[in-house]
Amino acid sequence: MNDLVDKIFDVSLRSAEADVVRIFEIGSLSDLVPYVEAEKVRQKFVEQGAEVRQISNQAPEDWTEVDGMPDLVDVSVIDNDVLEISTEILIFGDTVAFYRADGFYHEFRDELTASMIKQIFDALEDKYE
């Protein structure tokens, strides 16, 4: 795996340990990391029982073979005209990670900022679910 893939895989594994994970989603995890690695992350989500909440511009299709994973995921589809999701944003605990397939990656840990971004996510999710 390359540096970007390693970072996305690492932050995704860490997120599986949270009670709730929020994702502004640009696509399936397996679009960004190898499918086998993505399935390892998904299996960890199932083992931990983490709740995964996503806002996406598209409804998910068949994306995993991990039993129980689809039951943990709640997806709200939002129109591109309202919010064009061009960068994936993963929010859990005090961590916020921004990344794209073009190599962009930025992660920070700050409780106040993470809380504010969670509130923005929740407001959008409530309005468009």
N, C-alpha and C. Protein backbone atom coordinates (compact mmCIF):
# COMPACT_ATOMS: atom_id res chain seq x y z
N MET A 1 0.86 -1.19 0.00
CA MET A 1 0.00 0.00 0.00
C MET A 1 0.90 1.24 0.00
N ASN A 2 0.37 2.32 -0.55
CA ASN A 2 1.14 3.57 -0.54
C ASN A 2 0.80 4.39 0.70
N ASP A 3 1.45 5.53 0.85
CA ASP A 3 1.30 6.35 2.05
C ASP A 3 -0.15 6.80 2.27
N LEU A 4 -0.82 7.26 1.22
CA LEU A 4 -2.23 7.70 1.35
C LEU A 4 -3.11 6.54 1.77
N VAL A 5 -2.96 5.41 1.12
CA VAL A 5 -3.77 4.24 1.44
C VAL A 5 -3.52 3.81 2.88
N ASP A 6 -2.26 3.82 3.30
CA ASP A 6 -1.93 3.47 4.69
C ASP A 6 -2.62 4.40 5.68
N LYS A 7 -2.61 5.69 5.39
CA LYS A 7 -3.25 6.67 6.29
C LYS A 7 -4.76 6.44 6.37
N ILE A 8 -5.39 6.24 5.21
CA ILE A 8 -6.85 6.03 5.20
C ILE A 8 -7.20 4.72 5.90
N PHE A 9 -6.42 3.68 5.66
CA PHE A 9 -6.65 2.39 6.32
C PHE A 9 -6.50 2.55 7.84
N ASP A 10 -5.45 3.23 8.28
CA ASP A 10 -5.20 3.43 9.71
C ASP A 10 -6.32 4.21 10.39
N VAL A 11 -6.71 5.34 9.80
CA VAL A 11 -7.76 6.15 10.44
C VAL A 11 -9.10 5.42 10.42
N SER A 12 -9.34 4.64 9.39
CA SER A 12 -10.58 3.86 9.32
C SER A 12 -10.62 2.78 10.40
N LEU A 13 -9.50 2.10 10.61
CA LEU A 13 -9.42 1.11 11.69
C LEU A 13 -9.65 1.76 13.05
N ARG A 14 -9.02 2.90 13.26
CA ARG A 14 -9.20 3.60 14.55
C ARG A 14 -10.64 4.04 14.74
N SER A 15 -11.30 4.45 13.65
CA SER A 15 -12.68 4.92 13.76
C SER A 15 -13.62 3.80 14.18
N ALA A 16 -13.28 2.56 13.82
CA ALA A 16 -14.14 1.42 14.16
C ALA A 16 -14.24 1.20 15.66
N GLU A 17 -13.35 1.80 16.42
CA GLU A 17 -13.39 1.67 17.87
C GLU A 17 -14.31 2.68 18.53
N ALA A 18 -14.83 3.63 17.76
CA ALA A 18 -15.73 4.65 18.30
C ALA A 18 -17.15 4.09 18.40
N ASP A 19 -17.96 4.71 19.25
CA ASP A 19 -19.37 4.31 19.33
C ASP A 19 -20.13 4.74 18.07
N VAL A 20 -19.83 5.96 17.60
CA VAL A 20 -20.51 6.52 16.43
C VAL A 20 -19.45 7.11 15.51
N VAL A 21 -19.58 6.80 14.24
CA VAL A 21 -18.70 7.35 13.21
C VAL A 21 -19.58 8.08 12.21
N ARG A 22 -19.22 9.32 11.89
CA ARG A 22 -19.93 10.09 10.88
C ARG A 22 -19.02 10.25 9.67
N ILE A 23 -19.61 10.09 8.48
CA ILE A 23 -18.80 10.17 7.26
C ILE A 23 -19.54 10.98 6.20
N PHE A 24 -18.91 12.06 5.75
CA PHE A 24 -19.34 12.70 4.51
C PHE A 24 -18.65 11.87 3.43
N GLU A 25 -19.42 11.05 2.73
CA GLU A 25 -18.83 10.00 1.90
C GLU A 25 -18.78 10.36 0.43
N ILE A 26 -17.62 10.12 -0.19
CA ILE A 26 -17.49 10.32 -1.63
C ILE A 26 -17.59 8.99 -2.38
N GLY A 27 -17.48 7.88 -1.68
CA GLY A 27 -17.56 6.56 -2.31
C GLY A 27 -17.23 5.49 -1.31
N SER A 28 -17.24 4.27 -1.76
CA SER A 28 -16.94 3.13 -0.90
C SER A 28 -15.49 3.18 -0.43
N LEU A 29 -15.26 2.68 0.78
CA LEU A 29 -13.88 2.60 1.28
C LEU A 29 -13.00 1.82 0.32
N SER A 30 -13.57 0.81 -0.34
CA SER A 30 -12.76 -0.01 -1.25
C SER A 30 -12.44 0.71 -2.55
N ASP A 31 -12.96 1.94 -2.73
CA ASP A 31 -12.49 2.79 -3.83
C ASP A 31 -11.16 3.45 -3.47
N LEU A 32 -10.84 3.46 -2.17
CA LEU A 32 -9.65 4.16 -1.68
C LEU A 32 -8.55 3.23 -1.16
N VAL A 33 -8.95 2.09 -0.65
CA VAL A 33 -7.98 1.09 -0.18
C VAL A 33 -8.35 -0.25 -0.83
N PRO A 34 -7.41 -1.19 -0.90
CA PRO A 34 -7.74 -2.49 -1.51
C PRO A 34 -8.95 -3.13 -0.83
N TYR A 35 -9.75 -3.83 -1.61
CA TYR A 35 -10.99 -4.43 -1.12
C TYR A 35 -10.75 -5.31 0.12
N VAL A 36 -9.69 -6.11 0.10
CA VAL A 36 -9.40 -7.00 1.24
C VAL A 36 -9.17 -6.17 2.50
N GLU A 37 -8.44 -5.07 2.38
CA GLU A 37 -8.19 -4.21 3.54
C GLU A 37 -9.48 -3.53 3.99
N ALA A 38 -10.29 -3.08 3.05
CA ALA A 38 -11.58 -2.46 3.38
C ALA A 38 -12.47 -3.44 4.14
N GLU A 39 -12.45 -4.70 3.73
CA GLU A 39 -13.26 -5.71 4.42
C GLU A 39 -12.74 -5.95 5.84
N LYS A 40 -11.43 -5.84 6.06
CA LYS A 40 -10.89 -5.95 7.42
C LYS A 40 -11.43 -4.84 8.31
N VAL A 41 -11.49 -3.64 7.76
CA VAL A 41 -12.05 -2.50 8.51
C VAL A 41 -13.52 -2.76 8.81
N ARG A 42 -14.26 -3.19 7.82
CA ARG A 42 -15.70 -3.46 8.01
C ARG A 42 -15.93 -4.55 9.05
N GLN A 43 -15.09 -5.58 9.03
CA GLN A 43 -15.21 -6.65 10.03
C GLN A 43 -14.97 -6.09 11.43
N LYS A 44 -14.04 -5.18 11.56
CA LYS A 44 -13.78 -4.57 12.87
C LYS A 44 -14.98 -3.74 13.32
N PHE A 45 -15.62 -3.03 12.38
CA PHE A 45 -16.84 -2.29 12.73
C PHE A 45 -17.89 -3.25 13.30
N VAL A 46 -18.08 -4.39 12.67
CA VAL A 46 -19.06 -5.37 13.14
C VAL A 46 -18.68 -5.89 14.52
N GLU A 47 -17.41 -6.23 14.69
CA GLU A 47 -16.95 -6.75 15.99
C GLU A 47 -17.14 -5.72 17.10
N GLN A 48 -16.90 -4.45 16.80
CA GLN A 48 -17.02 -3.38 17.80
C GLN A 48 -18.46 -2.90 17.96
N GLY A 49 -19.30 -3.14 16.95
CA GLY A 49 -20.69 -2.68 17.00
C GLY A 49 -20.84 -1.19 16.79
N ALA A 50 -19.88 -0.59 16.13
CA ALA A 50 -19.91 0.87 15.91
C ALA A 50 -21.07 1.25 14.99
N GLU A 51 -21.71 2.35 15.32
CA GLU A 51 -22.78 2.90 14.48
C GLU A 51 -22.12 3.79 13.42
N VAL A 52 -22.46 3.56 12.16
CA VAL A 52 -21.87 4.32 11.06
C VAL A 52 -22.98 5.14 10.40
N ARG A 53 -22.81 6.44 10.43
CA ARG A 53 -23.77 7.36 9.82
C ARG A 53 -23.07 8.07 8.67
N GLN A 54 -23.71 8.02 7.50
CA GLN A 54 -23.09 8.59 6.32
C GLN A 54 -24.03 9.58 5.65
N ILE A 55 -23.44 10.62 5.10
CA ILE A 55 -24.13 11.52 4.17
C ILE A 55 -23.38 11.38 2.86
N SER A 56 -24.12 11.11 1.80
CA SER A 56 -23.50 10.85 0.51
C SER A 56 -24.34 11.47 -0.60
N ASN A 57 -23.71 11.69 -1.75
CA ASN A 57 -24.44 12.17 -2.91
C ASN A 57 -25.06 11.02 -3.70
N GLN A 58 -24.80 9.79 -3.28
CA GLN A 58 -25.34 8.63 -3.99
C GLN A 58 -25.70 7.52 -3.02
N ALA A 59 -26.72 6.77 -3.36
CA ALA A 59 -27.11 5.62 -2.55
C ALA A 59 -26.09 4.50 -2.75
N PRO A 60 -25.74 3.80 -1.68
CA PRO A 60 -24.75 2.72 -1.82
C PRO A 60 -25.35 1.53 -2.57
N GLU A 61 -24.48 0.84 -3.29
CA GLU A 61 -24.86 -0.42 -3.93
C GLU A 61 -24.22 -1.54 -3.13
N ASP A 62 -24.28 -2.74 -3.63
CA ASP A 62 -23.62 -3.85 -2.92
C ASP A 62 -22.15 -3.50 -2.74
N TRP A 63 -21.70 -3.39 -1.49
CA TRP A 63 -20.36 -2.87 -1.24
C TRP A 63 -19.56 -3.70 -0.26
N THR A 64 -20.18 -4.74 0.32
CA THR A 64 -19.43 -5.55 1.28
C THR A 64 -19.98 -6.96 1.34
N GLU A 65 -19.11 -7.87 1.75
CA GLU A 65 -19.52 -9.25 2.00
C GLU A 65 -19.47 -9.57 3.49
N VAL A 66 -19.21 -8.57 4.32
CA VAL A 66 -19.11 -8.77 5.77
C VAL A 66 -20.52 -8.80 6.35
N ASP A 67 -20.89 -9.96 6.91
CA ASP A 67 -22.21 -10.11 7.52
C ASP A 67 -22.40 -9.10 8.64
N GLY A 68 -23.54 -8.45 8.64
CA GLY A 68 -23.88 -7.50 9.69
C GLY A 68 -23.46 -6.07 9.41
N MET A 69 -22.53 -5.85 8.51
CA MET A 69 -22.06 -4.48 8.26
C MET A 69 -23.17 -3.59 7.71
N PRO A 70 -23.94 -4.03 6.71
CA PRO A 70 -25.00 -3.13 6.21
C PRO A 70 -25.99 -2.70 7.29
N ASP A 71 -26.20 -3.55 8.32
CA ASP A 71 -27.13 -3.21 9.40
C ASP A 71 -26.61 -2.09 10.29
N LEU A 72 -25.30 -1.87 10.31
CA LEU A 72 -24.70 -0.83 11.15
C LEU A 72 -24.70 0.54 10.47
N VAL A 73 -24.96 0.57 9.16
CA VAL A 73 -24.78 1.79 8.37
C VAL A 73 -26.13 2.43 8.06
N ASP A 74 -26.21 3.73 8.33
CA ASP A 74 -27.38 4.52 7.98
C ASP A 74 -26.91 5.61 7.02
N VAL A 75 -27.45 5.62 5.81
CA VAL A 75 -27.01 6.57 4.78
C VAL A 75 -28.12 7.56 4.47
N SER A 76 -27.79 8.83 4.52
CA SER A 76 -28.67 9.90 4.06
C SER A 76 -28.11 10.41 2.75
N VAL A 77 -28.93 10.38 1.72
CA VAL A 77 -28.50 10.86 0.41
C VAL A 77 -28.91 12.31 0.26
N ILE A 78 -27.94 13.14 -0.09
CA ILE A 78 -28.17 14.57 -0.24
C ILE A 78 -27.81 14.96 -1.67
N ASP A 79 -28.63 15.78 -2.28
CA ASP A 79 -28.43 16.18 -3.66
C ASP A 79 -27.17 17.03 -3.82
N ASN A 80 -26.48 16.85 -4.93
CA ASN A 80 -25.28 17.65 -5.23
C ASN A 80 -25.56 19.14 -5.20
N ASP A 81 -26.79 19.53 -5.54
CA ASP A 81 -27.13 20.95 -5.53
C ASP A 81 -27.16 21.54 -4.12
N VAL A 82 -27.37 20.69 -3.14
CA VAL A 82 -27.37 21.14 -1.74
C VAL A 82 -25.96 21.13 -1.18
N LEU A 83 -25.25 20.03 -1.41
CA LEU A 83 -23.87 19.88 -0.94
C LEU A 83 -23.16 18.90 -1.84
N GLU A 84 -22.18 19.38 -2.58
CA GLU A 84 -21.37 18.49 -3.40
C GLU A 84 -20.22 17.97 -2.54
N ILE A 85 -20.25 16.68 -2.25
CA ILE A 85 -19.24 16.09 -1.39
C ILE A 85 -18.05 15.69 -2.27
N SER A 86 -17.01 16.49 -2.23
CA SER A 86 -15.84 16.27 -3.08
C SER A 86 -14.65 15.76 -2.29
N THR A 87 -14.73 15.82 -0.97
CA THR A 87 -13.68 15.33 -0.08
C THR A 87 -14.35 14.48 0.99
N GLU A 88 -13.84 13.28 1.20
CA GLU A 88 -14.40 12.45 2.26
C GLU A 88 -13.97 13.03 3.60
N ILE A 89 -14.91 13.07 4.53
CA ILE A 89 -14.62 13.57 5.88
C ILE A 89 -15.09 12.52 6.87
N LEU A 90 -14.18 12.03 7.67
CA LEU A 90 -14.44 11.00 8.67
C LEU A 90 -14.34 11.65 10.04
N ILE A 91 -15.41 11.55 10.84
CA ILE A 91 -15.45 12.22 12.13
C ILE A 91 -15.78 11.19 13.22
N PHE A 92 -14.93 11.12 14.23
CA PHE A 92 -15.19 10.23 15.38
C PHE A 92 -14.39 10.75 16.56
N GLY A 93 -14.98 10.64 17.75
CA GLY A 93 -14.29 11.14 18.94
C GLY A 93 -13.84 12.57 18.73
N ASP A 94 -12.56 12.82 18.96
CA ASP A 94 -12.02 14.16 18.75
C ASP A 94 -11.25 14.27 17.43
N THR A 95 -11.45 13.29 16.54
CA THR A 95 -10.70 13.19 15.30
C THR A 95 -11.54 13.55 14.09
N VAL A 96 -10.95 14.33 13.19
CA VAL A 96 -11.55 14.65 11.91
C VAL A 96 -10.48 14.41 10.85
N ALA A 97 -10.80 13.58 9.86
CA ALA A 97 -9.86 13.29 8.78
C ALA A 97 -10.52 13.65 7.44
N PHE A 98 -9.79 14.38 6.63
CA PHE A 98 -10.23 14.78 5.29
C PHE A 98 -9.33 14.06 4.30
N TYR A 99 -9.91 13.45 3.26
CA TYR A 99 -9.06 12.79 2.26
C TYR A 99 -9.78 12.60 0.93
N ARG A 100 -8.96 12.45 -0.11
CA ARG A 100 -9.44 12.21 -1.48
C ARG A 100 -8.47 11.25 -2.16
N ALA A 101 -8.93 10.64 -3.24
CA ALA A 101 -8.09 9.69 -3.99
C ALA A 101 -6.91 10.38 -4.68
N ASP A 102 -6.97 11.70 -4.85
CA ASP A 102 -5.88 12.41 -5.54
C ASP A 102 -4.65 12.63 -4.66
N GLY A 103 -4.67 12.09 -3.44
CA GLY A 103 -3.51 12.20 -2.56
C GLY A 103 -3.68 13.16 -1.40
N PHE A 104 -4.76 13.94 -1.40
CA PHE A 104 -4.99 14.88 -0.30
C PHE A 104 -5.37 14.11 0.97
N TYR A 105 -4.72 14.45 2.08
CA TYR A 105 -5.03 13.86 3.39
C TYR A 105 -4.66 14.86 4.47
N HIS A 106 -5.60 15.11 5.35
CA HIS A 106 -5.30 15.94 6.52
C HIS A 106 -6.14 15.41 7.67
N GLU A 107 -5.49 15.18 8.80
CA GLU A 107 -6.16 14.69 9.99
C GLU A 107 -5.78 15.58 11.17
N PHE A 108 -6.75 15.88 11.99
CA PHE A 108 -6.43 16.59 13.22
C PHE A 108 -7.31 16.09 14.35
N ARG A 109 -6.86 16.36 15.55
CA ARG A 109 -7.60 15.98 16.75
C ARG A 109 -7.82 17.23 17.58
N ASP A 110 -9.07 17.57 17.73
CA ASP A 110 -9.45 18.73 18.53
C ASP A 110 -10.92 18.56 18.89
N GLU A 111 -11.21 18.44 20.17
CA GLU A 111 -12.56 18.15 20.64
C GLU A 111 -13.57 19.21 20.21
N LEU A 112 -13.22 20.50 20.33
CA LEU A 112 -14.18 21.55 19.98
C LEU A 112 -14.51 21.55 18.49
N THR A 113 -13.50 21.42 17.65
CA THR A 113 -13.74 21.42 16.21
C THR A 113 -14.50 20.16 15.79
N ALA A 114 -14.12 19.01 16.33
CA ALA A 114 -14.83 17.77 16.01
C ALA A 114 -16.29 17.87 16.43
N SER A 115 -16.54 18.45 17.59
CA SER A 115 -17.92 18.62 18.06
C SER A 115 -18.72 19.52 17.11
N MET A 116 -18.11 20.60 16.65
CA MET A 116 -18.80 21.49 15.74
C MET A 116 -19.12 20.79 14.41
N ILE A 117 -18.17 20.03 13.88
CA ILE A 117 -18.40 19.34 12.61
C ILE A 117 -19.46 18.24 12.79
N LYS A 118 -19.49 17.59 13.95
CA LYS A 118 -20.55 16.61 14.24
C LYS A 118 -21.92 17.29 14.23
N GLN A 119 -21.99 18.50 14.80
CA GLN A 119 -23.26 19.22 14.81
C GLN A 119 -23.72 19.59 13.41
N ILE A 120 -22.79 20.00 12.56
CA ILE A 120 -23.13 20.31 11.16
C ILE A 120 -23.64 19.05 10.47
N PHE A 121 -22.93 17.95 10.66
CA PHE A 121 -23.34 16.67 10.08
C PHE A 121 -24.75 16.31 10.54
N ASP A 122 -24.99 16.37 11.87
CA ASP A 122 -26.28 15.98 12.42
C ASP A 122 -27.41 16.86 11.88
N ALA A 123 -27.17 18.15 11.74
CA ALA A 123 -28.19 19.05 11.21
C ALA A 123 -28.54 18.70 9.77
N LEU A 124 -27.54 18.44 8.96
CA LEU A 124 -27.79 18.03 7.57
C LEU A 124 -28.51 16.68 7.52
N GLU A 125 -28.06 15.76 8.32
CA GLU A 125 -28.66 14.43 8.34
C GLU A 125 -30.14 14.52 8.75
N ASP A 126 -30.43 15.31 9.77
CA ASP A 126 -31.83 15.47 10.22
C ASP A 126 -32.70 16.06 9.12
N LYS A 127 -32.13 17.00 8.37
CA LYS A 127 -32.91 17.68 7.34
C LYS A 127 -33.12 16.82 6.10
N TYR A 128 -32.16 15.96 5.76
CA TYR A 128 -32.21 15.23 4.48
C TYR A 128 -32.32 13.72 4.59
N GLU A 129 -32.63 13.18 5.78
CA GLU A 129 -32.73 11.71 5.85
C GLU A 129 -34.05 11.22 5.31
